[in-house]
Amino acid sequence: MPTLSLHLSGNVRAANMVVPNFSVLASVSHPLWSDRLGGFVERSEKAQSNHPDFSHDSRLGASNYFRAENAFRDHERYNIISRAQVNRQGTRFKYYTTTMNATSDKLFHEDNNRMIDRMFDMRAQITFNPQNELYARFGIQYTAKTEVIIHMGLFLENNYRSLREHGVQPLCSPDTHNPIWYQRGYEKFCYYGYTAAQIFPKAGDLIKPEYNNILYTINSITDEIPEFEYKWHKYFWKLYLDVAIDDGKKISDEVINDPNQEHFIDMLLGRNTLGKTTDPKDANVKKAENGYAFDVSSTVDELKKDVLFRPPEVDDCVEDISGDPSDHPCGNLLGQW
């Protein structure tokens, strides 16, 4: 029997019948395609974050594309906007940095006599103090405490420029720059070579607002400010200030001769002297660094190894006086209680 072979081809996807109200996207929700290229089911990461599909699928597992991990562009945008706002509308301050060396005092192992080594101008946001008016209405004396909000990036820039101008060498390599300390730890922080101990604000520093002639000292600093955070990112420090007192701080020549300082701090500090006069022509003049009456470290700088009182009953050859039987008063009469 003869055989006839026909080579035919066809497309199984070709529609041979019109089906009304039918589409391959019929079971796909609207946020998953959003009219993108006429039915493209793949979405961008921004669309996935801003318009998520609120459905639970145990097969997908934990997704790594959340706002917390993909918000660095938003972080930088908010950082630039907040920095510009503080730089334009913030209050002008003079910031005085102080040194801290706990090994300078071998007797007390503390640094009571700090040195005011640098000064630079900055801008910050100052908070309102309604408690001052409230206490004043009742005739209650209240110390003028205040709070200041400073922008982290702006403060680091101003302090970095001041460190460079005064020739302070960074402790790390200048090529190392890792300013995000709250995500990676303080020990890994490095601002163009400067560590947190060199460039961060610290308790004991002085600050002076331009709208009055009051000098404040920083008591404490915090960065846990929920109302000033955006997407788990920190942008501001909060300084808790109190009125500064003349506690015998020394002022460096760079600060005194700085024309922007306008001789404010050297005309304010060093006036609480113990001498009769501050006239340099007078023979009884008292130096400013020794003027604080309660500053013990300014006069006591060495440890006296010998005891201050030796009872007459104890011989001079005895070294351990407290262990000597004759150290006890009336030991022969009271039985050395």
C-alpha atoms as a PDB file:
ATOM      1  CA  MET A   1       0.000   0.000   0.000  1.00  0.00           C
ATOM      2  CA  PRO A   2       1.479   3.394  -0.878  1.00  0.00           C
ATOM      3  CA  THR A   3       2.197   5.808   2.024  1.00  0.00           C
ATOM      4  CA  LEU A   4       1.794   9.580   1.900  1.00  0.00           C
ATOM      5  CA  SER A   5       3.848  11.538   4.518  1.00  0.00           C
ATOM      6  CA  LEU A   6       2.898  15.162   5.248  1.00  0.00           C
ATOM      7  CA  HIS A   7       5.335  17.381   7.219  1.00  0.00           C
ATOM      8  CA  LEU A   8       3.170  19.784   9.205  1.00  0.00           C
ATOM      9  CA  SER A   9       4.019  22.340  11.950  1.00  0.00           C
ATOM     10  CA  GLY A  10       1.873  24.365  14.298  1.00  0.00           C
ATOM     11  CA  ASN A  11       1.826  26.519  17.445  1.00  0.00           C
ATOM     12  CA  VAL A  12      -0.032  25.023  20.352  1.00  0.00           C
ATOM     13  CA  ARG A  13      -0.301  28.458  21.992  1.00  0.00           C
ATOM     14  CA  ALA A  14      -2.177  29.882  19.032  1.00  0.00           C
ATOM     15  CA  ALA A  15      -5.690  30.728  20.126  1.00  0.00           C
ATOM     16  CA  ASN A  16      -8.274  29.120  17.901  1.00  0.00           C
ATOM     17  CA  MET A  17     -11.162  30.278  20.009  1.00  0.00           C
ATOM     18  CA  VAL A  18     -11.810  33.645  21.628  1.00  0.00           C
ATOM     19  CA  VAL A  19     -12.384  33.262  25.391  1.00  0.00           C
ATOM     20  CA  PRO A  20     -13.900  36.404  26.888  1.00  0.00           C
ATOM     21  CA  ASN A  21     -12.541  37.831  30.206  1.00  0.00           C
ATOM     22  CA  PHE A  22      -9.527  35.584  30.217  1.00  0.00           C
ATOM     23  CA  SER A  23      -5.909  36.603  30.846  1.00  0.00           C
ATOM     24  CA  VAL A  24      -2.711  34.949  32.014  1.00  0.00           C
ATOM     25  CA  LEU A  25      -2.687  37.500  34.850  1.00  0.00           C
ATOM     26  CA  ALA A  26      -6.103  36.613  36.093  1.00  0.00           C
ATOM     27  CA  SER A  27      -4.742  35.075  39.315  1.00  0.00           C
ATOM     28  CA  VAL A  28      -2.065  37.763  39.936  1.00  0.00           C
ATOM     29  CA  SER A  29      -2.961  40.514  42.383  1.00  0.00           C
ATOM     30  CA  HIS A  30      -2.744  44.144  41.342  1.00  0.00           C
ATOM     31  CA  PRO A  31       0.365  45.203  43.332  1.00  0.00           C
ATOM     32  CA  LEU A  32       2.340  42.358  41.730  1.00  0.00           C
ATOM     33  CA  TRP A  33       2.111  43.701  38.218  1.00  0.00           C
ATOM     34  CA  SER A  34       0.696  47.263  38.419  1.00  0.00           C
ATOM     35  CA  ASP A  35       0.273  47.636  34.636  1.00  0.00           C
ATOM     36  CA  ARG A  36       4.039  47.420  34.115  1.00  0.00           C
ATOM     37  CA  LEU A  37       4.861  46.669  30.490  1.00  0.00           C
ATOM     38  CA  GLY A  38       1.443  45.218  29.920  1.00  0.00           C
ATOM     39  CA  GLY A  39       1.689  42.308  32.325  1.00  0.00           C
ATOM     40  CA  PHE A  40       5.279  42.051  33.566  1.00  0.00           C
ATOM     41  CA  VAL A  41       5.101  40.227  36.899  1.00  0.00           C
ATOM     42  CA  GLU A  42       8.619  41.258  38.030  1.00  0.00           C
ATOM     43  CA  ARG A  43       8.754  44.449  40.139  1.00  0.00           C
ATOM     44  CA  SER A  44      11.522  46.720  41.266  1.00  0.00           C
ATOM     45  CA  GLU A  45      12.861  46.628  44.830  1.00  0.00           C
ATOM     46  CA  LYS A  46      11.431  50.079  45.508  1.00  0.00           C
ATOM     47  CA  ALA A  47       7.969  48.956  44.431  1.00  0.00           C
ATOM     48  CA  GLN A  48       8.291  45.829  46.573  1.00  0.00           C
ATOM     49  CA  SER A  49       9.129  47.957  49.632  1.00  0.00           C
ATOM     50  CA  ASN A  50       6.570  50.711  49.130  1.00  0.00           C
ATOM     51  CA  HIS A  51       3.744  48.434  47.951  1.00  0.00           C
ATOM     52  CA  PRO A  52       4.281  45.015  49.504  1.00  0.00           C
ATOM     53  CA  ASP A  53       2.004  42.088  48.985  1.00  0.00           C
ATOM     54  CA  PHE A  54       0.426  41.482  52.380  1.00  0.00           C
ATOM     55  CA  SER A  55       0.161  37.723  52.015  1.00  0.00           C
ATOM     56  CA  HIS A  56       1.849  34.901  53.870  1.00  0.00           C
ATOM     57  CA  ASP A  57       3.628  32.198  51.957  1.00  0.00           C
ATOM     58  CA  SER A  58       5.635  29.727  53.977  1.00  0.00           C
ATOM     59  CA  ARG A  59       7.598  28.643  50.909  1.00  0.00           C
ATOM     60  CA  LEU A  60       9.333  32.001  50.407  1.00  0.00           C
ATOM     61  CA  GLY A  61      11.129  32.193  53.738  1.00  0.00           C
ATOM     62  CA  ALA A  62      12.669  35.373  55.112  1.00  0.00           C
ATOM     63  CA  SER A  63      13.090  38.099  52.527  1.00  0.00           C
ATOM     64  CA  ASN A  64      16.257  40.226  52.576  1.00  0.00           C
ATOM     65  CA  TYR A  65      14.711  43.167  50.774  1.00  0.00           C
ATOM     66  CA  PHE A  66      13.169  45.245  53.513  1.00  0.00           C
ATOM     67  CA  ARG A  67      13.337  48.948  54.188  1.00  0.00           C
ATOM     68  CA  ALA A  68      15.888  48.563  56.944  1.00  0.00           C
ATOM     69  CA  GLU A  69      18.439  47.075  54.548  1.00  0.00           C
ATOM     70  CA  ASN A  70      17.630  49.141  51.459  1.00  0.00           C
ATOM     71  CA  ALA A  71      17.123  52.612  52.927  1.00  0.00           C
ATOM     72  CA  PHE A  72      20.673  53.973  52.675  1.00  0.00           C
ATOM     73  CA  ARG A  73      19.649  56.388  49.947  1.00  0.00           C
ATOM     74  CA  ASP A  74      16.791  57.652  52.130  1.00  0.00           C
ATOM     75  CA  HIS A  75      19.184  57.910  55.090  1.00  0.00           C
ATOM     76  CA  GLU A  76      21.568  60.115  53.171  1.00  0.00           C
ATOM     77  CA  ARG A  77      18.748  62.239  51.802  1.00  0.00           C
ATOM     78  CA  TYR A  78      17.353  62.857  55.286  1.00  0.00           C
ATOM     79  CA  ASN A  79      20.878  63.529  56.548  1.00  0.00           C
ATOM     80  CA  ILE A  80      21.443  66.209  53.903  1.00  0.00           C
ATOM     81  CA  ILE A  81      18.046  67.827  54.524  1.00  0.00           C
ATOM     82  CA  SER A  82      18.451  67.903  58.315  1.00  0.00           C
ATOM     83  CA  ARG A  83      22.008  69.215  58.004  1.00  0.00           C
ATOM     84  CA  ALA A  84      20.882  72.026  55.707  1.00  0.00           C
ATOM     85  CA  GLN A  85      18.033  72.935  58.058  1.00  0.00           C
ATOM     86  CA  VAL A  86      20.368  73.197  61.067  1.00  0.00           C
ATOM     87  CA  ASN A  87      22.956  75.095  59.048  1.00  0.00           C
ATOM     88  CA  ARG A  88      20.378  77.634  57.857  1.00  0.00           C
ATOM     89  CA  GLN A  89      18.037  78.012  60.822  1.00  0.00           C
ATOM     90  CA  GLY A  90      20.153  76.799  63.752  1.00  0.00           C
ATOM     91  CA  THR A  91      21.437  78.959  66.584  1.00  0.00           C
ATOM     92  CA  ARG A  92      25.090  79.944  66.507  1.00  0.00           C
ATOM     93  CA  PHE A  93      27.289  78.563  69.268  1.00  0.00           C
ATOM     94  CA  LYS A  94      30.921  78.690  70.252  1.00  0.00           C
ATOM     95  CA  TYR A  95      32.159  75.237  71.176  1.00  0.00           C
ATOM     96  CA  TYR A  96      35.200  74.922  73.457  1.00  0.00           C
ATOM     97  CA  THR A  97      36.892  71.535  73.549  1.00  0.00           C
ATOM     98  CA  THR A  98      38.730  70.423  76.675  1.00  0.00           C
ATOM     99  CA  THR A  99      41.462  67.870  77.137  1.00  0.00           C
ATOM    100  CA  MET A 100      41.113  64.768  79.286  1.00  0.00           C
ATOM    101  CA  ASN A 101      44.154  62.960  80.690  1.00  0.00           C
ATOM    102  CA  ALA A 102      43.552  60.699  83.660  1.00  0.00           C
ATOM    103  CA  THR A 103      47.262  59.821  83.940  1.00  0.00           C
ATOM    104  CA  SER A 104      48.417  63.400  84.463  1.00  0.00           C
ATOM    105  CA  ASP A 105      47.522  63.362  88.160  1.00  0.00           C
ATOM    106  CA  LYS A 106      49.492  60.561  89.787  1.00  0.00           C
ATOM    107  CA  LEU A 107      47.924  61.183  93.169  1.00  0.00           C
ATOM    108  CA  PHE A 108      44.184  61.213  92.396  1.00  0.00           C
ATOM    109  CA  HIS A 109      44.321  59.643  88.895  1.00  0.00           C
ATOM    110  CA  GLU A 110      41.871  62.163  87.512  1.00  0.00           C
ATOM    111  CA  ASP A 111      41.998  65.323  85.456  1.00  0.00           C
ATOM    112  CA  ASN A 112      40.447  68.160  87.419  1.00  0.00           C
ATOM    113  CA  ASN A 113      42.495  70.841  85.698  1.00  0.00           C
ATOM    114  CA  ARG A 114      41.491  70.384  82.103  1.00  0.00           C
ATOM    115  CA  MET A 115      42.932  72.484  79.344  1.00  0.00           C
ATOM    116  CA  ILE A 116      40.616  74.422  76.994  1.00  0.00           C
ATOM    117  CA  ASP A 117      42.628  73.741  73.870  1.00  0.00           C
ATOM    118  CA  ARG A 118      40.408  74.587  70.875  1.00  0.00           C
ATOM    119  CA  MET A 119      37.381  76.661  69.868  1.00  0.00           C
ATOM    120  CA  PHE A 120      35.223  76.559  66.751  1.00  0.00           C
ATOM    121  CA  ASP A 121      31.878  77.957  65.643  1.00  0.00           C
ATOM    122  CA  MET A 122      28.904  75.701  65.087  1.00  0.00           C
ATOM    123  CA  ARG A 123      25.137  75.763  64.719  1.00  0.00           C
ATOM    124  CA  ALA A 124      22.628  73.734  66.694  1.00  0.00           C
ATOM    125  CA  GLN A 125      18.990  73.619  67.762  1.00  0.00           C
ATOM    126  CA  ILE A 126      18.242  74.793  71.281  1.00  0.00           C
ATOM    127  CA  THR A 127      15.171  73.541  73.129  1.00  0.00           C
ATOM    128  CA  PHE A 128      12.636  75.576  75.060  1.00  0.00           C
ATOM    129  CA  ASN A 129      12.801  75.801  78.849  1.00  0.00           C
ATOM    130  CA  PRO A 130       9.277  76.305  80.175  1.00  0.00           C
ATOM    131  CA  GLN A 131      10.351  75.131  83.647  1.00  0.00           C
ATOM    132  CA  ASN A 132      12.347  78.337  84.157  1.00  0.00           C
ATOM    133  CA  GLU A 133       9.234  80.471  83.867  1.00  0.00           C
ATOM    134  CA  LEU A 134       7.235  77.989  85.959  1.00  0.00           C
ATOM    135  CA  TYR A 135       9.745  78.084  88.812  1.00  0.00           C
ATOM    136  CA  ALA A 136      10.044  81.852  88.564  1.00  0.00           C
ATOM    137  CA  ARG A 137       6.288  82.242  89.031  1.00  0.00           C
ATOM    138  CA  PHE A 138       6.506  80.449  92.373  1.00  0.00           C
ATOM    139  CA  GLY A 139       9.665  82.264  93.406  1.00  0.00           C
ATOM    140  CA  ILE A 140      11.780  79.124  93.349  1.00  0.00           C
ATOM    141  CA  GLN A 141      15.443  79.481  92.538  1.00  0.00           C
ATOM    142  CA  TYR A 142      16.339  77.146  89.730  1.00  0.00           C
ATOM    143  CA  THR A 143      19.632  76.657  87.973  1.00  0.00           C
ATOM    144  CA  ALA A 144      19.538  77.545  84.302  1.00  0.00           C
ATOM    145  CA  LYS A 145      19.700  74.088  82.785  1.00  0.00           C
ATOM    146  CA  THR A 146      19.130  73.761  79.073  1.00  0.00           C
ATOM    147  CA  GLU A 147      19.256  71.212  76.277  1.00  0.00           C
ATOM    148  CA  VAL A 148      20.794  71.503  72.820  1.00  0.00           C
ATOM    149  CA  ILE A 149      20.318  69.283  69.770  1.00  0.00           C
ATOM    150  CA  ILE A 150      23.365  69.113  67.479  1.00  0.00           C
ATOM    151  CA  HIS A 151      23.557  67.452  64.087  1.00  0.00           C
ATOM    152  CA  MET A 152      26.102  64.654  64.045  1.00  0.00           C
ATOM    153  CA  GLY A 153      27.385  65.152  60.525  1.00  0.00           C
ATOM    154  CA  LEU A 154      27.622  68.923  60.842  1.00  0.00           C
ATOM    155  CA  PHE A 155      29.418  68.723  64.190  1.00  0.00           C
ATOM    156  CA  LEU A 156      31.921  66.182  62.884  1.00  0.00           C
ATOM    157  CA  GLU A 157      32.652  68.399  59.885  1.00  0.00           C
ATOM    158  CA  ASN A 158      33.248  71.485  62.042  1.00  0.00           C
ATOM    159  CA  ASN A 159      35.339  69.609  64.579  1.00  0.00           C
ATOM    160  CA  TYR A 160      37.325  67.917  61.810  1.00  0.00           C
ATOM    161  CA  ARG A 161      38.177  71.274  60.289  1.00  0.00           C
ATOM    162  CA  SER A 162      39.223  72.589  63.720  1.00  0.00           C
ATOM    163  CA  LEU A 163      41.445  69.565  64.324  1.00  0.00           C
ATOM    164  CA  ARG A 164      43.139  70.075  60.974  1.00  0.00           C
ATOM    165  CA  GLU A 165      43.638  73.785  61.540  1.00  0.00           C
ATOM    166  CA  HIS A 166      45.246  73.208  64.945  1.00  0.00           C
ATOM    167  CA  GLY A 167      47.520  70.471  63.623  1.00  0.00           C
ATOM    168  CA  VAL A 168      46.139  67.618  65.724  1.00  0.00           C
ATOM    169  CA  GLN A 169      47.384  64.338  64.310  1.00  0.00           C
ATOM    170  CA  PRO A 170      44.826  61.527  63.875  1.00  0.00           C
ATOM    171  CA  LEU A 171      45.417  58.329  65.793  1.00  0.00           C
ATOM    172  CA  CYS A 172      44.484  56.164  62.796  1.00  0.00           C
ATOM    173  CA  SER A 173      45.304  56.297  59.124  1.00  0.00           C
ATOM    174  CA  PRO A 174      43.715  59.305  57.343  1.00  0.00           C
ATOM    175  CA  ASP A 175      42.518  56.917  54.638  1.00  0.00           C
ATOM    176  CA  THR A 176      40.294  55.087  57.133  1.00  0.00           C
ATOM    177  CA  HIS A 177      36.764  56.470  57.187  1.00  0.00           C
ATOM    178  CA  ASN A 178      33.957  54.618  58.954  1.00  0.00           C
ATOM    179  CA  PRO A 179      31.520  57.115  60.501  1.00  0.00           C
ATOM    180  CA  ILE A 180      28.569  54.711  61.050  1.00  0.00           C
ATOM    181  CA  TRP A 181      29.437  53.712  64.617  1.00  0.00           C
ATOM    182  CA  TYR A 182      25.932  52.868  65.893  1.00  0.00           C
ATOM    183  CA  GLN A 183      25.691  49.934  63.469  1.00  0.00           C
ATOM    184  CA  ARG A 184      29.294  48.733  63.627  1.00  0.00           C
ATOM    185  CA  GLY A 185      30.457  49.672  67.116  1.00  0.00           C
ATOM    186  CA  TYR A 186      32.357  52.558  68.648  1.00  0.00           C
ATOM    187  CA  GLU A 187      35.700  50.764  68.395  1.00  0.00           C
ATOM    188  CA  LYS A 188      35.394  50.696  64.595  1.00  0.00           C
ATOM    189  CA  PHE A 189      34.511  54.378  64.271  1.00  0.00           C
ATOM    190  CA  CYS A 190      37.025  56.479  62.364  1.00  0.00           C
ATOM    191  CA  TYR A 191      36.402  59.872  60.790  1.00  0.00           C
ATOM    192  CA  TYR A 192      39.207  60.328  58.272  1.00  0.00           C
ATOM    193  CA  GLY A 193      41.663  58.918  60.796  1.00  0.00           C
ATOM    194  CA  TYR A 194      40.266  60.586  63.936  1.00  0.00           C
ATOM    195  CA  THR A 195      38.828  58.321  66.608  1.00  0.00           C
ATOM    196  CA  ALA A 196      35.728  58.930  68.689  1.00  0.00           C
ATOM    197  CA  ALA A 197      37.853  60.131  71.626  1.00  0.00           C
ATOM    198  CA  GLN A 198      39.321  62.866  69.422  1.00  0.00           C
ATOM    199  CA  ILE A 199      36.309  64.163  67.526  1.00  0.00           C
ATOM    200  CA  PHE A 200      33.188  63.290  69.552  1.00  0.00           C
ATOM    201  CA  PRO A 201      31.559  65.771  71.945  1.00  0.00           C
ATOM    202  CA  LYS A 202      32.189  64.823  75.560  1.00  0.00           C
ATOM    203  CA  ALA A 203      31.135  65.788  79.036  1.00  0.00           C
ATOM    204  CA  GLY A 204      33.219  68.651  80.335  1.00  0.00           C
ATOM    205  CA  ASP A 205      33.325  70.599  77.090  1.00  0.00           C
ATOM    206  CA  LEU A 206      32.045  74.167  77.159  1.00  0.00           C
ATOM    207  CA  ILE A 207      29.504  75.806  74.889  1.00  0.00           C
ATOM    208  CA  LYS A 208      28.426  79.422  74.587  1.00  0.00           C
ATOM    209  CA  PRO A 209      25.337  80.572  72.627  1.00  0.00           C
ATOM    210  CA  GLU A 210      25.592  83.786  70.653  1.00  0.00           C
ATOM    211  CA  TYR A 211      22.351  85.285  71.948  1.00  0.00           C
ATOM    212  CA  ASN A 212      23.636  85.712  75.516  1.00  0.00           C
ATOM    213  CA  ASN A 213      26.857  85.810  77.490  1.00  0.00           C
ATOM    214  CA  ILE A 214      26.337  82.654  79.521  1.00  0.00           C
ATOM    215  CA  LEU A 215      28.876  79.860  79.384  1.00  0.00           C
ATOM    216  CA  TYR A 216      27.516  76.334  79.741  1.00  0.00           C
ATOM    217  CA  THR A 217      29.246  73.069  80.485  1.00  0.00           C
ATOM    218  CA  ILE A 218      28.130  69.711  79.095  1.00  0.00           C
ATOM    219  CA  ASN A 219      26.998  67.320  81.808  1.00  0.00           C
ATOM    220  CA  SER A 220      25.920  64.379  79.663  1.00  0.00           C
ATOM    221  CA  ILE A 221      25.321  63.409  76.053  1.00  0.00           C
ATOM    222  CA  THR A 222      22.880  60.957  74.514  1.00  0.00           C
ATOM    223  CA  ASP A 223      22.050  59.801  71.012  1.00  0.00           C
ATOM    224  CA  GLU A 224      18.928  57.819  71.945  1.00  0.00           C
ATOM    225  CA  ILE A 225      16.395  60.322  70.627  1.00  0.00           C
ATOM    226  CA  PRO A 226      13.468  58.465  69.026  1.00  0.00           C
ATOM    227  CA  GLU A 227      11.777  61.629  67.761  1.00  0.00           C
ATOM    228  CA  PHE A 228      14.922  62.559  65.823  1.00  0.00           C
ATOM    229  CA  GLU A 229      15.536  59.154  64.254  1.00  0.00           C
ATOM    230  CA  TYR A 230      14.423  58.094  60.794  1.00  0.00           C
ATOM    231  CA  LYS A 231      14.350  54.471  59.668  1.00  0.00           C
ATOM    232  CA  TRP A 232      16.532  53.237  62.540  1.00  0.00           C
ATOM    233  CA  HIS A 233      19.244  55.755  61.749  1.00  0.00           C
ATOM    234  CA  LYS A 234      20.723  58.348  64.137  1.00  0.00           C
ATOM    235  CA  TYR A 235      21.355  61.913  63.083  1.00  0.00           C
ATOM    236  CA  PHE A 236      21.486  64.050  66.262  1.00  0.00           C
ATOM    237  CA  TRP A 237      23.152  64.285  69.641  1.00  0.00           C
ATOM    238  CA  LYS A 238      21.373  65.766  72.631  1.00  0.00           C
ATOM    239  CA  LEU A 239      23.520  67.781  75.033  1.00  0.00           C
ATOM    240  CA  TYR A 240      22.413  68.414  78.609  1.00  0.00           C
ATOM    241  CA  LEU A 241      23.959  71.693  79.744  1.00  0.00           C
ATOM    242  CA  ASP A 242      24.432  73.473  83.024  1.00  0.00           C
ATOM    243  CA  VAL A 243      25.909  76.858  83.837  1.00  0.00           C
ATOM    244  CA  ALA A 244      29.694  76.619  83.911  1.00  0.00           C
ATOM    245  CA  ILE A 245      31.691  77.552  86.983  1.00  0.00           C
ATOM    246  CA  ASP A 246      35.257  78.709  87.312  1.00  0.00           C
ATOM    247  CA  ASP A 247      36.895  75.468  88.392  1.00  0.00           C
ATOM    248  CA  GLY A 248      40.452  76.374  87.502  1.00  0.00           C
ATOM    249  CA  LYS A 249      40.530  75.267  83.870  1.00  0.00           C
ATOM    250  CA  LYS A 250      43.554  76.486  81.959  1.00  0.00           C
ATOM    251  CA  ILE A 251      43.101  78.265  78.646  1.00  0.00           C
ATOM    252  CA  SER A 252      45.513  77.654  75.801  1.00  0.00           C
ATOM    253  CA  ASP A 253      47.105  80.493  73.886  1.00  0.00           C
ATOM    254  CA  GLU A 254      45.362  79.385  70.687  1.00  0.00           C
ATOM    255  CA  VAL A 255      41.961  80.013  72.255  1.00  0.00           C
ATOM    256  CA  ILE A 256      42.971  83.336  73.804  1.00  0.00           C
ATOM    257  CA  ASN A 257      44.437  84.638  70.555  1.00  0.00           C
ATOM    258  CA  ASP A 258      41.601  83.365  68.369  1.00  0.00           C
ATOM    259  CA  PRO A 259      39.866  86.458  66.914  1.00  0.00           C
ATOM    260  CA  ASN A 260      36.528  84.630  66.606  1.00  0.00           C
ATOM    261  CA  GLN A 261      36.595  83.911  70.332  1.00  0.00           C
ATOM    262  CA  GLU A 262      36.488  87.683  71.054  1.00  0.00           C
ATOM    263  CA  HIS A 263      38.244  87.168  74.425  1.00  0.00           C
ATOM    264  CA  PHE A 264      35.035  85.879  75.958  1.00  0.00           C
ATOM    265  CA  ILE A 265      36.238  82.889  77.922  1.00  0.00           C
ATOM    266  CA  ASP A 266      39.525  84.389  79.137  1.00  0.00           C
ATOM    267  CA  MET A 267      37.609  87.436  80.384  1.00  0.00           C
ATOM    268  CA  LEU A 268      35.127  85.160  82.171  1.00  0.00           C
ATOM    269  CA  LEU A 269      37.235  82.380  83.661  1.00  0.00           C
ATOM    270  CA  GLY A 270      40.164  82.906  85.976  1.00  0.00           C
ATOM    271  CA  ARG A 271      38.472  85.720  87.934  1.00  0.00           C
ATOM    272  CA  ASN A 272      37.794  83.669  91.036  1.00  0.00           C
ATOM    273  CA  THR A 273      41.279  84.200  92.422  1.00  0.00           C
ATOM    274  CA  LEU A 274      42.549  83.754  95.951  1.00  0.00           C
ATOM    275  CA  GLY A 275      44.835  86.789  95.848  1.00  0.00           C
ATOM    276  CA  LYS A 276      43.905  90.353  96.676  1.00  0.00           C
ATOM    277  CA  THR A 277      44.061  91.645  93.112  1.00  0.00           C
ATOM    278  CA  THR A 278      44.363  90.506  89.496  1.00  0.00           C
ATOM    279  CA  ASP A 279      46.472  93.468  88.442  1.00  0.00           C
ATOM    280  CA  PRO A 280      49.703  92.098  86.925  1.00  0.00           C
ATOM    281  CA  LYS A 281      51.601  95.115  88.265  1.00  0.00           C
ATOM    282  CA  ASP A 282      50.727  94.230  91.852  1.00  0.00           C
ATOM    283  CA  ALA A 283      53.145  92.021  93.792  1.00  0.00           C
ATOM    284  CA  ASN A 284      50.230  90.147  95.433  1.00  0.00           C
ATOM    285  CA  VAL A 285      48.725  89.066  92.154  1.00  0.00           C
ATOM    286  CA  LYS A 286      47.408  85.502  92.069  1.00  0.00           C
ATOM    287  CA  LYS A 287      47.635  83.330  88.981  1.00  0.00           C
ATOM    288  CA  ALA A 288      44.386  82.310  87.332  1.00  0.00           C
ATOM    289  CA  GLU A 289      45.120  78.591  87.222  1.00  0.00           C
ATOM    290  CA  ASN A 290      45.413  78.476  91.026  1.00  0.00           C
ATOM    291  CA  GLY A 291      42.325  80.558  91.674  1.00  0.00           C
ATOM    292  CA  TYR A 292      39.747  77.857  92.391  1.00  0.00           C
ATOM    293  CA  ALA A 293      39.488  77.444  96.166  1.00  0.00           C
ATOM    294  CA  PHE A 294      38.333  73.802  96.023  1.00  0.00           C
ATOM    295  CA  ASP A 295      40.831  72.660  93.400  1.00  0.00           C
ATOM    296  CA  VAL A 296      43.121  70.325  95.316  1.00  0.00           C
ATOM    297  CA  SER A 297      45.046  69.007  92.329  1.00  0.00           C
ATOM    298  CA  SER A 298      46.398  72.448  91.457  1.00  0.00           C
ATOM    299  CA  THR A 299      48.392  72.607  94.706  1.00  0.00           C
ATOM    300  CA  VAL A 300      48.948  68.926  95.613  1.00  0.00           C
ATOM    301  CA  ASP A 301      50.911  67.260  92.865  1.00  0.00           C
ATOM    302  CA  GLU A 302      52.921  64.564  94.672  1.00  0.00           C
ATOM    303  CA  LEU A 303      52.187  61.793  97.124  1.00  0.00           C
ATOM    304  CA  LYS A 304      53.676  62.047 100.601  1.00  0.00           C
ATOM    305  CA  LYS A 305      55.022  58.617 101.419  1.00  0.00           C
ATOM    306  CA  ASP A 306      55.619  59.282 105.103  1.00  0.00           C
ATOM    307  CA  VAL A 307      52.766  59.518 107.614  1.00  0.00           C
ATOM    308  CA  LEU A 308      51.485  62.895 108.670  1.00  0.00           C
ATOM    309  CA  PHE A 309      51.218  62.095 112.405  1.00  0.00           C
ATOM    310  CA  ARG A 310      53.498  59.897 114.447  1.00  0.00           C
ATOM    311  CA  PRO A 311      52.554  59.371 118.109  1.00  0.00           C
ATOM    312  CA  PRO A 312      55.367  60.121 120.544  1.00  0.00           C
ATOM    313  CA  GLU A 313      55.062  56.611 121.958  1.00  0.00           C
ATOM    314  CA  VAL A 314      56.180  55.089 118.638  1.00  0.00           C
ATOM    315  CA  ASP A 315      59.883  54.946 117.953  1.00  0.00           C
ATOM    316  CA  ASP A 316      61.271  56.585 114.822  1.00  0.00           C
ATOM    317  CA  CYS A 317      62.642  53.320 113.537  1.00  0.00           C
ATOM    318  CA  VAL A 318      59.154  51.768 113.245  1.00  0.00           C
ATOM    319  CA  GLU A 319      57.829  51.766 109.649  1.00  0.00           C
ATOM    320  CA  ASP A 320      54.426  50.111 110.090  1.00  0.00           C
ATOM    321  CA  ILE A 321      52.976  52.425 112.707  1.00  0.00           C
ATOM    322  CA  SER A 322      49.460  50.979 112.657  1.00  0.00           C
ATOM    323  CA  GLY A 323      50.833  47.554 113.532  1.00  0.00           C
ATOM    324  CA  ASP A 324      52.993  48.741 116.388  1.00  0.00           C
ATOM    325  CA  PRO A 325      51.609  48.074 119.898  1.00  0.00           C
ATOM    326  CA  SER A 326      52.551  51.547 121.053  1.00  0.00           C
ATOM    327  CA  ASP A 327      50.364  53.146 118.344  1.00  0.00           C
ATOM    328  CA  HIS A 328      47.199  52.417 120.312  1.00  0.00           C
ATOM    329  CA  PRO A 329      46.453  55.249 122.754  1.00  0.00           C
ATOM    330  CA  CYS A 330      46.733  54.221 126.371  1.00  0.00           C
ATOM    331  CA  GLY A 331      47.298  50.646 125.414  1.00  0.00           C
ATOM    332  CA  ASN A 332      48.941  49.776 128.647  1.00  0.00           C
ATOM    333  CA  LEU A 333      45.942  51.084 130.599  1.00  0.00           C
ATOM    334  CA  LEU A 334      42.964  49.994 128.473  1.00  0.00           C
ATOM    335  CA  GLY A 335      44.356  46.720 127.250  1.00  0.00           C
ATOM    336  CA  GLN A 336      44.713  47.861 123.610  1.00  0.00           C
ATOM    337  CA  TRP A 337      41.079  47.638 122.651  1.00  0.00           C
END
